[in-house]
């Protein structure tokens, strides 16, 4: 059975050889030099990024609000600690738009 599978996935007239050691693998990664991006590539990538962000924001606006319970903690002048549970409601797009801005 193993020989059948090996023969099935064997590429015709090609020998598959890979790095045998970790150093050979590192050398293989060092030789990879991607082509530099042209101005058209940069504009296309930026346009795709902005389009996908806009699409995600429009999908989040269709979702219902998220409900959760927060807590509030305060101290009085004697140093006693009080806390209370506070109901909170947040729209999903608020979290998306404010991520990383705090």
C-alpha atoms as a PDB file:
ATOM      1  CA  UNK A   1       0.000   0.000   0.000  1.00  0.00           C
ATOM      2  CA  UNK A   2       2.813   2.400   0.910  1.00  0.00           C
ATOM      3  CA  UNK A   3       4.570   1.798  -2.407  1.00  0.00           C
ATOM      4  CA  UNK A   4       1.321   2.493  -4.279  1.00  0.00           C
ATOM      5  CA  UNK A   5       0.881   5.833  -2.503  1.00  0.00           C
ATOM      6  CA  UNK A   6       4.532   6.718  -3.057  1.00  0.00           C
ATOM      7  CA  UNK A   7       4.202   5.959  -6.766  1.00  0.00           C
ATOM      8  CA  UNK A   8       0.926   7.874  -6.967  1.00  0.00           C
ATOM      9  CA  UNK A   9       2.388  11.082  -5.570  1.00  0.00           C
ATOM     10  CA  UNK A  10       5.785  10.846  -7.242  1.00  0.00           C
ATOM     11  CA  UNK A  11       6.359  13.644  -9.743  1.00  0.00           C
ATOM     12  CA  UNK A  12       7.389  12.379 -13.198  1.00  0.00           C
ATOM     13  CA  UNK A  13      11.026  13.088 -14.146  1.00  0.00           C
ATOM     14  CA  UNK A  14      11.592  15.163 -11.026  1.00  0.00           C
ATOM     15  CA  UNK A  15      13.501  14.336  -7.939  1.00  0.00           C
ATOM     16  CA  UNK A  16      12.323  16.011  -4.822  1.00  0.00           C
ATOM     17  CA  UNK A  17      15.212  17.049  -2.638  1.00  0.00           C
ATOM     18  CA  UNK A  18      15.044  19.440   0.204  1.00  0.00           C
ATOM     19  CA  UNK A  19      17.373  20.803   2.826  1.00  0.00           C
ATOM     20  CA  UNK A  20      18.893  18.019   4.871  1.00  0.00           C
ATOM     21  CA  UNK A  21      20.213  20.134   7.712  1.00  0.00           C
ATOM     22  CA  UNK A  22      19.160  23.229   9.535  1.00  0.00           C
ATOM     23  CA  UNK A  23      22.023  25.215   8.025  1.00  0.00           C
ATOM     24  CA  UNK A  24      20.880  24.286   4.509  1.00  0.00           C
ATOM     25  CA  UNK A  25      17.397  25.449   5.421  1.00  0.00           C
ATOM     26  CA  UNK A  26      18.741  28.798   6.656  1.00  0.00           C
ATOM     27  CA  UNK A  27      20.739  29.195   3.449  1.00  0.00           C
ATOM     28  CA  UNK A  28      17.591  28.550   1.451  1.00  0.00           C
ATOM     29  CA  UNK A  29      15.779  31.329   3.323  1.00  0.00           C
ATOM     30  CA  UNK A  30      18.697  33.742   2.867  1.00  0.00           C
ATOM     31  CA  UNK A  31      18.622  33.368  -0.892  1.00  0.00           C
ATOM     32  CA  UNK A  32      14.950  34.427  -1.157  1.00  0.00           C
ATOM     33  CA  UNK A  33      14.801  37.983  -2.472  1.00  0.00           C
ATOM     34  CA  UNK A  34      11.305  39.132  -3.368  1.00  0.00           C
ATOM     35  CA  UNK A  35      10.951  41.552  -6.232  1.00  0.00           C
ATOM     36  CA  UNK A  36      10.653  45.172  -5.055  1.00  0.00           C
ATOM     37  CA  UNK A  37       7.158  46.584  -5.185  1.00  0.00           C
ATOM     38  CA  UNK A  38       6.353  48.961  -7.975  1.00  0.00           C
ATOM     39  CA  UNK A  39       4.244  52.078  -7.318  1.00  0.00           C
ATOM     40  CA  UNK A  40       1.290  50.308  -8.956  1.00  0.00           C
ATOM     41  CA  UNK A  41       1.675  47.383  -6.524  1.00  0.00           C
ATOM     42  CA  UNK A  42       1.738  49.752  -3.556  1.00  0.00           C
ATOM     43  CA  UNK A  43      -1.391  51.581  -4.735  1.00  0.00           C
ATOM     44  CA  UNK A  44      -3.180  48.278  -5.411  1.00  0.00           C
ATOM     45  CA  UNK A  45      -2.281  46.876  -1.969  1.00  0.00           C
ATOM     46  CA  UNK A  46      -3.410  50.062  -0.223  1.00  0.00           C
ATOM     47  CA  UNK A  47      -6.678  50.120  -2.165  1.00  0.00           C
ATOM     48  CA  UNK A  48      -7.386  46.499  -1.259  1.00  0.00           C
ATOM     49  CA  UNK A  49      -6.588  47.180   2.406  1.00  0.00           C
ATOM     50  CA  UNK A  50      -8.933  50.180   2.552  1.00  0.00           C
ATOM     51  CA  UNK A  51     -11.690  48.321   0.713  1.00  0.00           C
ATOM     52  CA  UNK A  52     -11.491  45.359   3.088  1.00  0.00           C
ATOM     53  CA  UNK A  53     -11.492  47.660   6.139  1.00  0.00           C
ATOM     54  CA  UNK A  54     -14.575  49.451   4.819  1.00  0.00           C
ATOM     55  CA  UNK A  55     -16.297  46.149   4.128  1.00  0.00           C
ATOM     56  CA  UNK A  56     -15.542  44.845   7.611  1.00  0.00           C
ATOM     57  CA  UNK A  57     -16.855  48.051   9.159  1.00  0.00           C
ATOM     58  CA  UNK A  58     -20.089  47.816   7.183  1.00  0.00           C
ATOM     59  CA  UNK A  59     -20.552  44.197   8.327  1.00  0.00           C
ATOM     60  CA  UNK A  60     -19.920  45.182  11.949  1.00  0.00           C
ATOM     61  CA  UNK A  61     -22.558  47.916  11.732  1.00  0.00           C
ATOM     62  CA  UNK A  62     -25.128  45.261  10.885  1.00  0.00           C
ATOM     63  CA  UNK A  63     -24.365  43.238  14.033  1.00  0.00           C
ATOM     64  CA  UNK A  64     -26.361  43.740  17.230  1.00  0.00           C
ATOM     65  CA  UNK A  65     -24.932  45.660  20.165  1.00  0.00           C
ATOM     66  CA  UNK A  66     -22.809  43.768  22.676  1.00  0.00           C
ATOM     67  CA  UNK A  67     -24.215  43.692  26.190  1.00  0.00           C
ATOM     68  CA  UNK A  68     -22.021  43.048  29.202  1.00  0.00           C
ATOM     69  CA  UNK A  69     -21.730  43.947  32.858  1.00  0.00           C
ATOM     70  CA  UNK A  70     -18.920  46.188  33.990  1.00  0.00           C
ATOM     71  CA  UNK A  71     -18.039  47.270  37.458  1.00  0.00           C
ATOM     72  CA  UNK A  72     -17.413  50.592  39.114  1.00  0.00           C
ATOM     73  CA  UNK A  73     -15.105  50.932  42.121  1.00  0.00           C
ATOM     74  CA  UNK A  74     -14.801  53.953  44.375  1.00  0.00           C
ATOM     75  CA  UNK A  75     -13.477  54.851  47.831  1.00  0.00           C
ATOM     76  CA  UNK A  76     -15.041  57.104  50.414  1.00  0.00           C
ATOM     77  CA  UNK A  77     -13.162  59.527  52.679  1.00  0.00           C
ATOM     78  CA  UNK A  78     -12.665  56.817  55.348  1.00  0.00           C
ATOM     79  CA  UNK A  79     -10.895  54.520  52.851  1.00  0.00           C
ATOM     80  CA  UNK A  80     -13.783  52.081  52.497  1.00  0.00           C
ATOM     81  CA  UNK A  81     -13.978  50.443  49.100  1.00  0.00           C
ATOM     82  CA  UNK A  82     -17.329  50.233  47.332  1.00  0.00           C
ATOM     83  CA  UNK A  83     -18.159  48.612  44.041  1.00  0.00           C
ATOM     84  CA  UNK A  84     -21.234  48.295  41.920  1.00  0.00           C
ATOM     85  CA  UNK A  85     -22.152  46.417  38.754  1.00  0.00           C
ATOM     86  CA  UNK A  86     -22.917  48.601  35.779  1.00  0.00           C
ATOM     87  CA  UNK A  87     -24.759  47.464  32.642  1.00  0.00           C
ATOM     88  CA  UNK A  88     -22.811  48.387  29.513  1.00  0.00           C
ATOM     89  CA  UNK A  89     -23.779  48.403  25.849  1.00  0.00           C
ATOM     90  CA  UNK A  90     -21.232  48.777  23.070  1.00  0.00           C
ATOM     91  CA  UNK A  91     -21.610  48.705  19.323  1.00  0.00           C
ATOM     92  CA  UNK A  92     -19.194  46.278  17.583  1.00  0.00           C
ATOM     93  CA  UNK A  93     -17.818  48.931  15.227  1.00  0.00           C
ATOM     94  CA  UNK A  94     -16.710  51.078  18.181  1.00  0.00           C
ATOM     95  CA  UNK A  95     -14.274  48.400  19.301  1.00  0.00           C
ATOM     96  CA  UNK A  96     -13.038  47.968  15.723  1.00  0.00           C
ATOM     97  CA  UNK A  97     -12.539  51.698  15.113  1.00  0.00           C
ATOM     98  CA  UNK A  98     -10.863  52.393  18.466  1.00  0.00           C
ATOM     99  CA  UNK A  99      -8.505  49.374  18.555  1.00  0.00           C
ATOM    100  CA  UNK A 100      -4.948  50.523  19.214  1.00  0.00           C
ATOM    101  CA  UNK A 101      -5.863  54.165  19.825  1.00  0.00           C
ATOM    102  CA  UNK A 102      -5.698  54.083  23.642  1.00  0.00           C
END
